[in-house]
Amino acid sequence: MEIKLNTVQVLALADILMGAAHADDEFDGMEAGEISDILHDIVGEFSTELSMRLASFDEEDFDLKEACKPLLGLSPRERQGVVARVARVTESDGIHDIKESQFIRRLIGLLECDLEGFDDHVFEVEIVTPPPLPKS
């Protein structure tokens, strides 16, 4: 699905993609390559601003809620496309863990998307605790 973004939205998407890549606390070359491919598909050649934004990304300062704000003006289909691209990043290293699932679930909520269609990328963990031991 093609998506048209203005400069502010491209930078927001870059931040979100980088945040997704860092969601599992491990950023690797596969994820970096996928981010590059996704952004090249949208903008073609990277601007200096975009290159610097990617190079200076700091996961400690990243705020997903703030990053999503410029994308709320997109159509529902375009926002679904953003989530699909983020899922590509989280899957690119061949491992999808709970932190990445939580990131995608939160992104879906912040972008006001439908969870349907992302079942493979979002899972829940039910923690079952054993009953207390009988008192002796």
N, C-alpha and C. Protein backbone atom coordinates (compact mmCIF):
# COMPACT_ATOMS: atom_id res chain seq x y z
N MET A 1 0.84 -1.18 0.00
CA MET A 1 0.00 0.00 0.00
C MET A 1 0.88 1.24 0.00
N GLU A 2 0.62 2.11 -0.94
CA GLU A 2 1.37 3.36 -1.02
C GLU A 2 0.87 4.31 0.06
N ILE A 3 1.79 5.07 0.59
CA ILE A 3 1.44 6.04 1.62
C ILE A 3 2.17 7.33 1.30
N LYS A 4 1.46 8.45 1.36
CA LYS A 4 2.06 9.76 1.09
C LYS A 4 2.15 10.51 2.40
N LEU A 5 3.38 10.93 2.72
CA LEU A 5 3.62 11.62 3.98
C LEU A 5 4.35 12.93 3.72
N ASN A 6 4.03 13.94 4.53
CA ASN A 6 4.80 15.17 4.48
C ASN A 6 6.07 14.99 5.31
N THR A 7 6.92 15.99 5.33
CA THR A 7 8.21 15.88 6.01
C THR A 7 8.06 15.56 7.49
N VAL A 8 7.14 16.23 8.16
CA VAL A 8 6.93 15.99 9.60
C VAL A 8 6.47 14.55 9.83
N GLN A 9 5.58 14.06 8.98
CA GLN A 9 5.09 12.70 9.12
C GLN A 9 6.17 11.67 8.82
N VAL A 10 7.04 11.95 7.86
CA VAL A 10 8.15 11.03 7.56
C VAL A 10 9.08 10.93 8.77
N LEU A 11 9.38 12.06 9.39
CA LEU A 11 10.25 12.05 10.57
C LEU A 11 9.58 11.30 11.73
N ALA A 12 8.27 11.49 11.87
CA ALA A 12 7.53 10.77 12.91
C ALA A 12 7.57 9.27 12.65
N LEU A 13 7.36 8.88 11.40
CA LEU A 13 7.41 7.46 11.05
C LEU A 13 8.81 6.90 11.31
N ALA A 14 9.84 7.65 10.96
CA ALA A 14 11.21 7.20 11.21
C ALA A 14 11.42 6.95 12.70
N ASP A 15 10.94 7.87 13.53
CA ASP A 15 11.06 7.68 14.98
C ASP A 15 10.33 6.43 15.44
N ILE A 16 9.12 6.22 14.93
CA ILE A 16 8.33 5.06 15.33
C ILE A 16 9.02 3.77 14.88
N LEU A 17 9.53 3.75 13.67
CA LEU A 17 10.24 2.56 13.19
C LEU A 17 11.47 2.27 14.05
N MET A 18 12.20 3.32 14.41
CA MET A 18 13.38 3.14 15.27
C MET A 18 12.95 2.67 16.66
N GLY A 19 11.86 3.23 17.16
CA GLY A 19 11.34 2.79 18.46
C GLY A 19 10.96 1.33 18.43
N ALA A 20 10.34 0.90 17.34
CA ALA A 20 9.97 -0.52 17.20
C ALA A 20 11.20 -1.40 17.16
N ALA A 21 12.23 -0.95 16.47
CA ALA A 21 13.46 -1.74 16.37
C ALA A 21 14.15 -1.88 17.72
N HIS A 22 13.97 -0.91 18.58
CA HIS A 22 14.57 -0.94 19.92
C HIS A 22 13.64 -1.54 20.97
N ALA A 23 12.42 -1.87 20.60
CA ALA A 23 11.42 -2.33 21.58
C ALA A 23 11.88 -3.56 22.34
N ASP A 24 12.63 -4.44 21.70
CA ASP A 24 13.10 -5.66 22.36
C ASP A 24 14.49 -5.48 22.98
N ASP A 25 14.93 -4.23 23.07
CA ASP A 25 16.23 -3.88 23.66
C ASP A 25 17.41 -4.38 22.84
N GLU A 26 17.17 -4.77 21.59
CA GLU A 26 18.24 -5.22 20.70
C GLU A 26 17.99 -4.64 19.31
N PHE A 27 18.92 -3.83 18.85
CA PHE A 27 18.82 -3.23 17.52
C PHE A 27 19.88 -3.87 16.65
N ASP A 28 19.45 -4.51 15.56
CA ASP A 28 20.44 -5.20 14.73
C ASP A 28 20.37 -4.74 13.27
N GLY A 29 21.29 -5.25 12.48
CA GLY A 29 21.40 -4.86 11.09
C GLY A 29 20.19 -5.21 10.25
N MET A 30 19.51 -6.30 10.59
CA MET A 30 18.30 -6.68 9.84
C MET A 30 17.23 -5.61 10.02
N GLU A 31 17.06 -5.15 11.25
CA GLU A 31 16.06 -4.11 11.53
C GLU A 31 16.46 -2.80 10.85
N ALA A 32 17.74 -2.45 10.92
CA ALA A 32 18.22 -1.22 10.28
C ALA A 32 17.97 -1.27 8.77
N GLY A 33 18.23 -2.41 8.17
CA GLY A 33 17.99 -2.58 6.74
C GLY A 33 16.52 -2.46 6.38
N GLU A 34 15.67 -3.03 7.20
CA GLU A 34 14.22 -2.96 6.94
C GLU A 34 13.72 -1.53 7.06
N ILE A 35 14.20 -0.80 8.07
CA ILE A 35 13.82 0.61 8.23
C ILE A 35 14.25 1.40 7.00
N SER A 36 15.46 1.18 6.56
CA SER A 36 15.97 1.87 5.38
C SER A 36 15.11 1.56 4.15
N ASP A 37 14.77 0.29 3.96
CA ASP A 37 13.93 -0.10 2.82
C ASP A 37 12.56 0.57 2.87
N ILE A 38 11.95 0.56 4.04
CA ILE A 38 10.61 1.16 4.20
C ILE A 38 10.66 2.64 3.87
N LEU A 39 11.62 3.34 4.44
CA LEU A 39 11.70 4.79 4.21
C LEU A 39 12.08 5.12 2.77
N HIS A 40 12.94 4.32 2.16
CA HIS A 40 13.28 4.54 0.75
C HIS A 40 12.06 4.36 -0.13
N ASP A 41 11.20 3.40 0.19
CA ASP A 41 9.98 3.19 -0.58
C ASP A 41 9.06 4.41 -0.53
N ILE A 42 9.10 5.13 0.59
CA ILE A 42 8.21 6.28 0.78
C ILE A 42 8.81 7.56 0.23
N VAL A 43 10.09 7.81 0.52
CA VAL A 43 10.68 9.11 0.17
C VAL A 43 11.74 9.06 -0.92
N GLY A 44 12.16 7.88 -1.30
CA GLY A 44 13.26 7.80 -2.25
C GLY A 44 14.57 8.10 -1.55
N GLU A 45 15.28 9.09 -2.04
CA GLU A 45 16.56 9.47 -1.43
C GLU A 45 16.33 10.16 -0.09
N PHE A 46 17.14 9.80 0.90
CA PHE A 46 17.01 10.38 2.23
C PHE A 46 17.52 11.82 2.23
N SER A 47 16.76 12.69 2.89
CA SER A 47 17.24 14.05 3.13
C SER A 47 18.28 14.00 4.24
N THR A 48 19.06 15.06 4.34
CA THR A 48 20.04 15.15 5.43
C THR A 48 19.32 15.09 6.77
N GLU A 49 18.17 15.76 6.85
CA GLU A 49 17.41 15.78 8.10
C GLU A 49 16.97 14.37 8.51
N LEU A 50 16.50 13.59 7.56
CA LEU A 50 16.07 12.23 7.87
C LEU A 50 17.26 11.36 8.28
N SER A 51 18.35 11.46 7.56
CA SER A 51 19.55 10.69 7.90
C SER A 51 20.04 11.02 9.31
N MET A 52 20.04 12.31 9.63
CA MET A 52 20.48 12.74 10.97
C MET A 52 19.51 12.26 12.04
N ARG A 53 18.23 12.29 11.71
CA ARG A 53 17.21 11.85 12.67
C ARG A 53 17.41 10.38 13.01
N LEU A 54 17.66 9.56 12.01
CA LEU A 54 17.89 8.14 12.23
C LEU A 54 19.17 7.91 13.03
N ALA A 55 20.22 8.63 12.66
CA ALA A 55 21.53 8.45 13.32
C ALA A 55 21.52 8.90 14.77
N SER A 56 20.69 9.89 15.08
CA SER A 56 20.69 10.44 16.44
C SER A 56 19.57 9.88 17.31
N PHE A 57 18.85 8.88 16.84
CA PHE A 57 17.73 8.33 17.62
C PHE A 57 18.22 7.85 18.98
N ASP A 58 17.47 8.23 20.01
CA ASP A 58 17.79 7.82 21.38
C ASP A 58 16.55 7.17 21.98
N GLU A 59 16.62 5.88 22.19
CA GLU A 59 15.45 5.16 22.71
C GLU A 59 15.03 5.64 24.08
N GLU A 60 15.95 6.22 24.85
CA GLU A 60 15.61 6.73 26.18
C GLU A 60 14.70 7.95 26.09
N ASP A 61 14.86 8.75 25.04
CA ASP A 61 14.06 9.97 24.87
C ASP A 61 12.83 9.76 24.00
N PHE A 62 12.67 8.57 23.44
CA PHE A 62 11.58 8.31 22.51
C PHE A 62 10.24 8.28 23.23
N ASP A 63 9.26 8.99 22.67
CA ASP A 63 7.91 9.04 23.22
C ASP A 63 6.94 8.63 22.10
N LEU A 64 6.43 7.42 22.18
CA LEU A 64 5.57 6.89 21.13
C LEU A 64 4.31 7.73 20.95
N LYS A 65 3.73 8.18 22.04
CA LYS A 65 2.51 8.98 21.95
C LYS A 65 2.76 10.26 21.16
N GLU A 66 3.85 10.94 21.44
CA GLU A 66 4.19 12.17 20.71
C GLU A 66 4.50 11.88 19.25
N ALA A 67 5.21 10.79 19.00
CA ALA A 67 5.57 10.43 17.63
C ALA A 67 4.34 10.13 16.78
N CYS A 68 3.28 9.63 17.40
CA CYS A 68 2.07 9.27 16.65
C CYS A 68 1.23 10.48 16.26
N LYS A 69 1.34 11.57 16.98
CA LYS A 69 0.46 12.72 16.75
C LYS A 69 0.45 13.22 15.30
N PRO A 70 1.60 13.37 14.63
CA PRO A 70 1.54 13.85 13.24
C PRO A 70 0.86 12.87 12.28
N LEU A 71 0.71 11.62 12.68
CA LEU A 71 0.14 10.61 11.79
C LEU A 71 -1.37 10.44 11.98
N LEU A 72 -1.94 11.10 12.98
CA LEU A 72 -3.37 10.95 13.23
C LEU A 72 -4.23 11.55 12.13
N GLY A 73 -3.67 12.44 11.32
CA GLY A 73 -4.41 13.03 10.21
C GLY A 73 -4.48 12.14 8.98
N LEU A 74 -3.77 11.02 9.01
CA LEU A 74 -3.82 10.08 7.89
C LEU A 74 -5.16 9.34 7.88
N SER A 75 -5.51 8.80 6.76
CA SER A 75 -6.74 8.02 6.66
C SER A 75 -6.57 6.73 7.48
N PRO A 76 -7.69 6.09 7.88
CA PRO A 76 -7.57 4.83 8.61
C PRO A 76 -6.73 3.79 7.86
N ARG A 77 -6.89 3.73 6.56
CA ARG A 77 -6.12 2.77 5.76
C ARG A 77 -4.62 3.09 5.80
N GLU A 78 -4.28 4.37 5.74
CA GLU A 78 -2.87 4.78 5.81
C GLU A 78 -2.28 4.48 7.19
N ARG A 79 -3.08 4.71 8.24
CA ARG A 79 -2.60 4.40 9.60
C ARG A 79 -2.38 2.89 9.75
N GLN A 80 -3.26 2.08 9.15
CA GLN A 80 -3.05 0.63 9.15
C GLN A 80 -1.74 0.30 8.43
N GLY A 81 -1.46 1.04 7.36
CA GLY A 81 -0.22 0.85 6.63
C GLY A 81 1.01 1.17 7.47
N VAL A 82 0.89 2.17 8.33
CA VAL A 82 1.98 2.50 9.25
C VAL A 82 2.22 1.32 10.18
N VAL A 83 1.15 0.78 10.75
CA VAL A 83 1.29 -0.36 11.67
C VAL A 83 1.90 -1.56 10.94
N ALA A 84 1.48 -1.80 9.72
CA ALA A 84 2.02 -2.92 8.95
C ALA A 84 3.52 -2.75 8.71
N ARG A 85 3.95 -1.53 8.47
CA ARG A 85 5.38 -1.27 8.27
C ARG A 85 6.16 -1.48 9.56
N VAL A 86 5.59 -1.06 10.66
CA VAL A 86 6.23 -1.28 11.96
C VAL A 86 6.35 -2.77 12.23
N ALA A 87 5.31 -3.52 11.90
CA ALA A 87 5.36 -4.98 12.09
C ALA A 87 6.47 -5.60 11.25
N ARG A 88 6.70 -5.07 10.07
CA ARG A 88 7.82 -5.57 9.24
C ARG A 88 9.15 -5.41 9.96
N VAL A 89 9.31 -4.28 10.65
CA VAL A 89 10.56 -4.04 11.38
C VAL A 89 10.71 -5.03 12.53
N THR A 90 9.64 -5.21 13.31
CA THR A 90 9.74 -6.10 14.47
C THR A 90 9.95 -7.55 14.07
N GLU A 91 9.51 -7.91 12.88
CA GLU A 91 9.66 -9.29 12.41
C GLU A 91 10.97 -9.52 11.65
N SER A 92 11.66 -8.46 11.29
CA SER A 92 12.81 -8.57 10.39
C SER A 92 13.99 -9.34 10.99
N ASP A 93 14.08 -9.39 12.31
CA ASP A 93 15.19 -10.15 12.92
C ASP A 93 14.83 -11.61 13.15
N GLY A 94 13.62 -12.01 12.73
CA GLY A 94 13.20 -13.40 12.85
C GLY A 94 12.66 -13.76 14.22
N ILE A 95 12.63 -12.80 15.12
CA ILE A 95 12.14 -13.06 16.48
C ILE A 95 11.11 -11.99 16.81
N HIS A 96 9.96 -12.42 17.31
CA HIS A 96 8.92 -11.48 17.74
C HIS A 96 8.63 -11.77 19.20
N ASP A 97 9.02 -10.85 20.08
CA ASP A 97 8.84 -11.12 21.50
C ASP A 97 7.73 -10.26 22.10
N ILE A 98 7.50 -10.43 23.38
CA ILE A 98 6.38 -9.76 24.03
C ILE A 98 6.55 -8.24 24.04
N LYS A 99 7.76 -7.75 24.16
CA LYS A 99 7.97 -6.29 24.15
C LYS A 99 7.58 -5.70 22.80
N GLU A 100 7.90 -6.41 21.73
CA GLU A 100 7.52 -5.94 20.40
C GLU A 100 6.01 -6.01 20.22
N SER A 101 5.40 -7.05 20.75
CA SER A 101 3.95 -7.19 20.70
C SER A 101 3.28 -6.04 21.45
N GLN A 102 3.81 -5.72 22.62
CA GLN A 102 3.26 -4.61 23.40
C GLN A 102 3.41 -3.28 22.66
N PHE A 103 4.55 -3.10 22.00
CA PHE A 103 4.79 -1.88 21.23
C PHE A 103 3.74 -1.75 20.13
N ILE A 104 3.52 -2.82 19.39
CA ILE A 104 2.55 -2.78 18.29
C ILE A 104 1.13 -2.56 18.83
N ARG A 105 0.79 -3.23 19.91
CA ARG A 105 -0.54 -3.05 20.50
C ARG A 105 -0.75 -1.59 20.91
N ARG A 106 0.26 -1.00 21.53
CA ARG A 106 0.16 0.40 21.95
C ARG A 106 0.05 1.31 20.73
N LEU A 107 0.84 1.04 19.69
CA LEU A 107 0.78 1.83 18.46
C LEU A 107 -0.61 1.76 17.84
N ILE A 108 -1.18 0.58 17.79
CA ILE A 108 -2.53 0.41 17.23
C ILE A 108 -3.53 1.29 17.99
N GLY A 109 -3.42 1.31 19.30
CA GLY A 109 -4.31 2.14 20.11
C GLY A 109 -4.09 3.63 19.87
N LEU A 110 -2.84 4.06 19.84
CA LEU A 110 -2.53 5.47 19.67
C LEU A 110 -2.91 5.98 18.28
N LEU A 111 -2.81 5.12 17.28
CA LEU A 111 -3.20 5.52 15.92
C LEU A 111 -4.67 5.24 15.63
N GLU A 112 -5.37 4.77 16.66
CA GLU A 112 -6.81 4.50 16.56
C GLU A 112 -7.12 3.56 15.40
N CYS A 113 -6.34 2.49 15.33
CA CYS A 113 -6.51 1.47 14.29
C CYS A 113 -7.31 0.30 14.83
N ASP A 114 -7.75 -0.52 13.91
CA ASP A 114 -8.45 -1.75 14.25
C ASP A 114 -7.41 -2.84 14.47
N LEU A 115 -7.54 -3.58 15.54
CA LEU A 115 -6.61 -4.66 15.87
C LEU A 115 -6.71 -5.80 14.87
N GLU A 116 -7.86 -5.91 14.21
CA GLU A 116 -8.07 -6.99 13.24
C GLU A 116 -7.02 -6.91 12.13
N GLY A 117 -6.48 -8.05 11.80
CA GLY A 117 -5.46 -8.10 10.77
C GLY A 117 -4.04 -8.11 11.32
N PHE A 118 -3.92 -7.85 12.61
CA PHE A 118 -2.59 -7.84 13.22
C PHE A 118 -2.45 -8.92 14.28
N ASP A 119 -3.31 -9.93 14.22
CA ASP A 119 -3.28 -11.01 15.20
C ASP A 119 -1.93 -11.72 15.27
N ASP A 120 -1.25 -11.82 14.15
CA ASP A 120 0.05 -12.49 14.13
C ASP A 120 1.15 -11.66 14.78
N HIS A 121 0.89 -10.37 14.98
CA HIS A 121 1.91 -9.47 15.52
C HIS A 121 1.64 -9.06 16.96
N VAL A 122 0.48 -9.43 17.47
CA VAL A 122 0.11 -9.04 18.83
C VAL A 122 -0.37 -10.28 19.56
N PHE A 123 0.22 -10.52 20.70
CA PHE A 123 -0.24 -11.66 21.48
C PHE A 123 -0.31 -11.25 22.94
N GLU A 124 -1.09 -12.00 23.68
CA GLU A 124 -1.27 -11.74 25.10
C GLU A 124 -0.69 -12.89 25.88
N VAL A 125 -0.21 -12.58 27.05
CA VAL A 125 0.32 -13.60 27.94
C VAL A 125 -0.54 -13.59 29.19
N GLU A 126 -1.07 -14.74 29.51
CA GLU A 126 -1.87 -14.86 30.73
C GLU A 126 -0.98 -15.48 31.79
N ILE A 127 -0.85 -14.78 32.89
CA ILE A 127 -0.02 -15.29 33.98
C ILE A 127 -0.93 -15.99 34.97
N VAL A 128 -0.64 -17.24 35.17
CA VAL A 128 -1.42 -18.05 36.09
C VAL A 128 -0.56 -18.32 37.31
N THR A 129 -1.09 -17.95 38.45
CA THR A 129 -0.35 -18.21 39.68
C THR A 129 -0.98 -19.41 40.38
N PRO A 130 -0.15 -20.24 40.93
CA PRO A 130 -0.70 -21.41 41.63
C PRO A 130 -1.42 -20.97 42.91
N PRO A 131 -2.34 -21.79 43.37
CA PRO A 131 -3.04 -21.45 44.62
C PRO A 131 -2.05 -21.50 45.78
N PRO A 132 -2.38 -20.81 46.86
CA PRO A 132 -1.48 -20.84 48.01
C PRO A 132 -1.39 -22.25 48.61
N LEU A 133 -0.26 -22.53 49.18
CA LEU A 133 -0.08 -23.83 49.84
C LEU A 133 -0.94 -23.88 51.10
N PRO A 134 -1.47 -25.06 51.40
CA PRO A 134 -2.28 -25.18 52.61
C PRO A 134 -1.41 -24.96 53.85
N LYS A 135 -2.03 -24.38 54.85
CA LYS A 135 -1.31 -24.16 56.11
C LYS A 135 -1.23 -25.46 56.87
N SER A 136 -0.08 -25.72 57.46
CA SER A 136 0.05 -26.97 58.20
C SER A 136 -0.08 -26.79 59.67
